[in-house]
Amino acid sequence: MIELLQFISQLITMYEFLVIASVIMSWLIGFGIVNPYNQIARSIWIFLQTVTEPALRPIRAMLPNFGGIDVSPIILLLGLQFVQHVILPNIAKAL
């Protein structure tokens, strides 16, 4: 069972990197550094959006409008860190 919890922790870490990559990619597109019409950049952007948007959408729905600033990735990363460093170790101790 401990191995399963370690695997879940590794999946959470990989998902955190995908969220960070999505944020960086959105900045690069927003500042005009990356051309969103480039086929490779577009495919990477679509992949990152497909993977991260289902987790970010409910958070965005609960947050008030901050005038163009999206803090939902920060809240998602904090939630993932909480699960990884508080909940999973307590589950492991209970076993």
N, C-alpha and C. Protein backbone atom coordinates (compact mmCIF):
# COMPACT_ATOMS: atom_id res chain seq x y z
N MET A 1 0.81 -1.19 0.00
CA MET A 1 0.00 0.00 0.00
C MET A 1 0.86 1.27 0.00
N ILE A 2 2.01 1.18 0.66
CA ILE A 2 2.92 2.33 0.70
C ILE A 2 3.41 2.65 -0.71
N GLU A 3 3.65 1.62 -1.51
CA GLU A 3 4.10 1.84 -2.89
C GLU A 3 3.04 2.58 -3.69
N LEU A 4 1.78 2.28 -3.46
CA LEU A 4 0.70 2.97 -4.15
C LEU A 4 0.67 4.45 -3.76
N LEU A 5 0.86 4.74 -2.48
CA LEU A 5 0.90 6.13 -2.03
C LEU A 5 2.10 6.87 -2.61
N GLN A 6 3.23 6.19 -2.73
CA GLN A 6 4.40 6.82 -3.35
C GLN A 6 4.15 7.09 -4.83
N PHE A 7 3.48 6.17 -5.49
CA PHE A 7 3.14 6.36 -6.91
C PHE A 7 2.18 7.54 -7.08
N ILE A 8 1.20 7.66 -6.19
CA ILE A 8 0.28 8.79 -6.24
C ILE A 8 1.04 10.10 -6.01
N SER A 9 1.99 10.08 -5.09
CA SER A 9 2.80 11.26 -4.83
C SER A 9 3.62 11.65 -6.06
N GLN A 10 4.16 10.68 -6.76
CA GLN A 10 4.91 10.96 -7.98
C GLN A 10 4.00 11.51 -9.08
N LEU A 11 2.79 10.99 -9.19
CA LEU A 11 1.83 11.52 -10.16
C LEU A 11 1.46 12.96 -9.84
N ILE A 12 1.32 13.27 -8.56
CA ILE A 12 1.02 14.64 -8.17
C ILE A 12 2.18 15.56 -8.55
N THR A 13 3.41 15.11 -8.33
CA THR A 13 4.58 15.91 -8.70
C THR A 13 4.62 16.16 -10.20
N MET A 14 4.34 15.14 -11.00
CA MET A 14 4.33 15.32 -12.45
C MET A 14 3.23 16.29 -12.86
N TYR A 15 2.08 16.21 -12.22
CA TYR A 15 0.98 17.12 -12.55
C TYR A 15 1.32 18.56 -12.17
N GLU A 16 2.05 18.72 -11.07
CA GLU A 16 2.50 20.06 -10.69
C GLU A 16 3.39 20.66 -11.78
N PHE A 17 4.28 19.86 -12.33
CA PHE A 17 5.14 20.34 -13.42
C PHE A 17 4.32 20.71 -14.65
N LEU A 18 3.28 19.95 -14.93
CA LEU A 18 2.42 20.29 -16.07
C LEU A 18 1.67 21.60 -15.84
N VAL A 19 1.23 21.84 -14.61
CA VAL A 19 0.55 23.11 -14.31
C VAL A 19 1.52 24.27 -14.46
N ILE A 20 2.74 24.11 -13.96
CA ILE A 20 3.75 25.17 -14.09
C ILE A 20 4.08 25.40 -15.56
N ALA A 21 4.21 24.33 -16.33
CA ALA A 21 4.49 24.47 -17.76
C ALA A 21 3.35 25.19 -18.47
N SER A 22 2.12 24.92 -18.07
CA SER A 22 0.97 25.59 -18.67
C SER A 22 0.99 27.08 -18.37
N VAL A 23 1.34 27.44 -17.14
CA VAL A 23 1.42 28.85 -16.77
C VAL A 23 2.51 29.55 -17.57
N ILE A 24 3.67 28.93 -17.66
CA ILE A 24 4.78 29.54 -18.40
C ILE A 24 4.43 29.66 -19.87
N MET A 25 3.80 28.65 -20.42
CA MET A 25 3.41 28.70 -21.84
C MET A 25 2.39 29.82 -22.07
N SER A 26 1.45 30.01 -21.15
CA SER A 26 0.48 31.08 -21.33
C SER A 26 1.16 32.45 -21.26
N TRP A 27 2.17 32.59 -20.40
CA TRP A 27 2.93 33.85 -20.35
C TRP A 27 3.68 34.08 -21.66
N LEU A 28 4.32 33.03 -22.17
CA LEU A 28 5.08 33.17 -23.40
C LEU A 28 4.18 33.54 -24.58
N ILE A 29 3.01 32.96 -24.62
CA ILE A 29 2.06 33.30 -25.69
C ILE A 29 1.52 34.71 -25.46
N GLY A 30 1.22 35.05 -24.22
CA GLY A 30 0.67 36.36 -23.91
C GLY A 30 1.63 37.50 -24.21
N PHE A 31 2.92 37.28 -23.99
CA PHE A 31 3.92 38.32 -24.25
C PHE A 31 4.45 38.29 -25.67
N GLY A 32 3.93 37.39 -26.48
CA GLY A 32 4.33 37.34 -27.89
C GLY A 32 5.67 36.70 -28.15
N ILE A 33 6.19 35.96 -27.21
CA ILE A 33 7.47 35.29 -27.40
C ILE A 33 7.29 34.02 -28.21
N VAL A 34 6.20 33.31 -27.96
CA VAL A 34 5.90 32.09 -28.70
C VAL A 34 4.73 32.39 -29.64
N ASN A 35 4.88 31.99 -30.87
CA ASN A 35 3.84 32.18 -31.87
C ASN A 35 2.79 31.07 -31.71
N PRO A 36 1.55 31.41 -31.33
CA PRO A 36 0.54 30.37 -31.15
C PRO A 36 0.09 29.73 -32.46
N TYR A 37 0.48 30.30 -33.59
CA TYR A 37 0.10 29.72 -34.88
C TYR A 37 1.12 28.68 -35.36
N ASN A 38 2.24 28.57 -34.64
CA ASN A 38 3.21 27.52 -34.94
C ASN A 38 2.59 26.18 -34.55
N GLN A 39 2.71 25.20 -35.44
CA GLN A 39 2.03 23.92 -35.22
C GLN A 39 2.54 23.20 -33.97
N ILE A 40 3.84 23.21 -33.73
CA ILE A 40 4.39 22.53 -32.56
C ILE A 40 3.97 23.25 -31.28
N ALA A 41 4.08 24.58 -31.29
CA ALA A 41 3.68 25.35 -30.10
C ALA A 41 2.20 25.17 -29.83
N ARG A 42 1.39 25.16 -30.87
CA ARG A 42 -0.05 24.98 -30.70
C ARG A 42 -0.36 23.60 -30.13
N SER A 43 0.32 22.56 -30.61
CA SER A 43 0.04 21.22 -30.11
C SER A 43 0.46 21.08 -28.64
N ILE A 44 1.58 21.71 -28.26
CA ILE A 44 1.99 21.68 -26.86
C ILE A 44 0.98 22.44 -26.01
N TRP A 45 0.52 23.60 -26.50
CA TRP A 45 -0.45 24.41 -25.77
C TRP A 45 -1.77 23.66 -25.60
N ILE A 46 -2.24 23.01 -26.64
CA ILE A 46 -3.49 22.26 -26.56
C ILE A 46 -3.36 21.10 -25.58
N PHE A 47 -2.21 20.41 -25.59
CA PHE A 47 -1.99 19.32 -24.64
C PHE A 47 -2.02 19.83 -23.20
N LEU A 48 -1.29 20.93 -22.95
CA LEU A 48 -1.25 21.47 -21.59
C LEU A 48 -2.63 21.94 -21.14
N GLN A 49 -3.39 22.56 -22.04
CA GLN A 49 -4.73 23.01 -21.69
C GLN A 49 -5.66 21.82 -21.43
N THR A 50 -5.53 20.78 -22.23
CA THR A 50 -6.37 19.60 -22.06
C THR A 50 -6.10 18.91 -20.73
N VAL A 51 -4.85 18.92 -20.30
CA VAL A 51 -4.49 18.23 -19.07
C VAL A 51 -4.82 19.07 -17.83
N THR A 52 -4.60 20.38 -17.89
CA THR A 52 -4.75 21.19 -16.68
C THR A 52 -6.11 21.86 -16.53
N GLU A 53 -6.79 22.12 -17.61
CA GLU A 53 -8.04 22.88 -17.54
C GLU A 53 -9.14 22.20 -16.72
N PRO A 54 -9.30 20.87 -16.75
CA PRO A 54 -10.35 20.27 -15.91
C PRO A 54 -10.15 20.51 -14.41
N ALA A 55 -8.92 20.66 -13.97
CA ALA A 55 -8.69 20.95 -12.54
C ALA A 55 -8.78 22.43 -12.24
N LEU A 56 -8.45 23.27 -13.21
CA LEU A 56 -8.45 24.72 -12.98
C LEU A 56 -9.84 25.34 -13.13
N ARG A 57 -10.68 24.79 -13.97
CA ARG A 57 -11.99 25.37 -14.24
C ARG A 57 -12.87 25.50 -12.99
N PRO A 58 -12.99 24.46 -12.13
CA PRO A 58 -13.82 24.63 -10.93
C PRO A 58 -13.25 25.66 -9.96
N ILE A 59 -11.92 25.77 -9.90
CA ILE A 59 -11.31 26.76 -9.02
C ILE A 59 -11.62 28.16 -9.53
N ARG A 60 -11.52 28.36 -10.84
CA ARG A 60 -11.85 29.66 -11.43
C ARG A 60 -13.30 30.03 -11.20
N ALA A 61 -14.18 29.03 -11.20
CA ALA A 61 -15.61 29.31 -11.00
C ALA A 61 -15.89 29.79 -9.57
N MET A 62 -15.09 29.35 -8.61
CA MET A 62 -15.30 29.74 -7.22
C MET A 62 -14.65 31.07 -6.87
N LEU A 63 -13.62 31.46 -7.60
CA LEU A 63 -12.89 32.68 -7.27
C LEU A 63 -13.58 33.93 -7.83
N PRO A 64 -13.43 35.04 -7.13
CA PRO A 64 -13.96 36.29 -7.70
C PRO A 64 -13.06 36.77 -8.83
N ASN A 65 -13.54 37.72 -9.59
CA ASN A 65 -12.77 38.27 -10.70
C ASN A 65 -11.69 39.20 -10.17
N PHE A 66 -10.44 38.91 -10.50
CA PHE A 66 -9.32 39.72 -10.06
C PHE A 66 -8.81 40.65 -11.15
N GLY A 67 -9.60 40.88 -12.16
CA GLY A 67 -9.23 41.82 -13.20
C GLY A 67 -8.15 41.31 -14.13
N GLY A 68 -8.28 40.13 -14.60
CA GLY A 68 -7.33 39.59 -15.57
C GLY A 68 -6.19 38.80 -14.96
N ILE A 69 -6.09 38.76 -13.64
CA ILE A 69 -5.04 37.97 -12.98
C ILE A 69 -5.65 36.63 -12.59
N ASP A 70 -5.03 35.56 -13.05
CA ASP A 70 -5.54 34.21 -12.79
C ASP A 70 -4.71 33.58 -11.68
N VAL A 71 -5.31 33.46 -10.50
CA VAL A 71 -4.61 32.86 -9.37
C VAL A 71 -4.99 31.39 -9.17
N SER A 72 -5.80 30.85 -10.06
CA SER A 72 -6.24 29.46 -9.91
C SER A 72 -5.07 28.46 -9.97
N PRO A 73 -4.02 28.66 -10.79
CA PRO A 73 -2.91 27.71 -10.73
C PRO A 73 -2.20 27.70 -9.38
N ILE A 74 -2.11 28.86 -8.74
CA ILE A 74 -1.48 28.93 -7.42
C ILE A 74 -2.29 28.14 -6.40
N ILE A 75 -3.60 28.31 -6.45
CA ILE A 75 -4.47 27.59 -5.52
C ILE A 75 -4.41 26.10 -5.78
N LEU A 76 -4.39 25.72 -7.06
CA LEU A 76 -4.28 24.30 -7.40
C LEU A 76 -2.96 23.72 -6.90
N LEU A 77 -1.85 24.44 -7.11
CA LEU A 77 -0.55 23.95 -6.65
C LEU A 77 -0.51 23.85 -5.12
N LEU A 78 -1.10 24.80 -4.42
CA LEU A 78 -1.16 24.72 -2.96
C LEU A 78 -1.98 23.51 -2.51
N GLY A 79 -3.09 23.27 -3.19
CA GLY A 79 -3.91 22.09 -2.87
C GLY A 79 -3.17 20.78 -3.12
N LEU A 80 -2.45 20.73 -4.22
CA LEU A 80 -1.68 19.52 -4.53
C LEU A 80 -0.57 19.31 -3.51
N GLN A 81 0.09 20.40 -3.10
CA GLN A 81 1.12 20.29 -2.08
C GLN A 81 0.53 19.81 -0.75
N PHE A 82 -0.66 20.30 -0.41
CA PHE A 82 -1.33 19.87 0.81
C PHE A 82 -1.62 18.38 0.77
N VAL A 83 -2.15 17.92 -0.34
CA VAL A 83 -2.43 16.49 -0.47
C VAL A 83 -1.15 15.67 -0.38
N GLN A 84 -0.12 16.14 -1.06
CA GLN A 84 1.13 15.38 -1.13
C GLN A 84 1.88 15.35 0.20
N HIS A 85 1.87 16.45 0.94
CA HIS A 85 2.70 16.53 2.14
C HIS A 85 1.94 16.40 3.45
N VAL A 86 0.62 16.42 3.41
CA VAL A 86 -0.15 16.27 4.64
C VAL A 86 -1.04 15.03 4.59
N ILE A 87 -1.83 14.91 3.56
CA ILE A 87 -2.82 13.83 3.53
C ILE A 87 -2.16 12.48 3.26
N LEU A 88 -1.32 12.39 2.23
CA LEU A 88 -0.70 11.10 1.91
C LEU A 88 0.17 10.56 3.04
N PRO A 89 1.01 11.38 3.69
CA PRO A 89 1.78 10.83 4.83
C PRO A 89 0.90 10.36 6.00
N ASN A 90 -0.21 11.07 6.23
CA ASN A 90 -1.11 10.62 7.31
C ASN A 90 -1.81 9.33 6.94
N ILE A 91 -2.13 9.15 5.68
CA ILE A 91 -2.69 7.86 5.25
C ILE A 91 -1.66 6.76 5.43
N ALA A 92 -0.41 7.06 5.09
CA ALA A 92 0.65 6.07 5.23
C ALA A 92 0.88 5.70 6.71
N LYS A 93 0.77 6.68 7.61
CA LYS A 93 0.92 6.40 9.04
C LYS A 93 -0.22 5.56 9.56
N ALA A 94 -1.41 5.76 9.01
CA ALA A 94 -2.59 5.02 9.47
C ALA A 94 -2.53 3.55 9.07
N LEU A 95 -1.74 3.25 8.05
CA LEU A 95 -1.65 1.86 7.61
C LEU A 95 -0.69 1.14 8.45
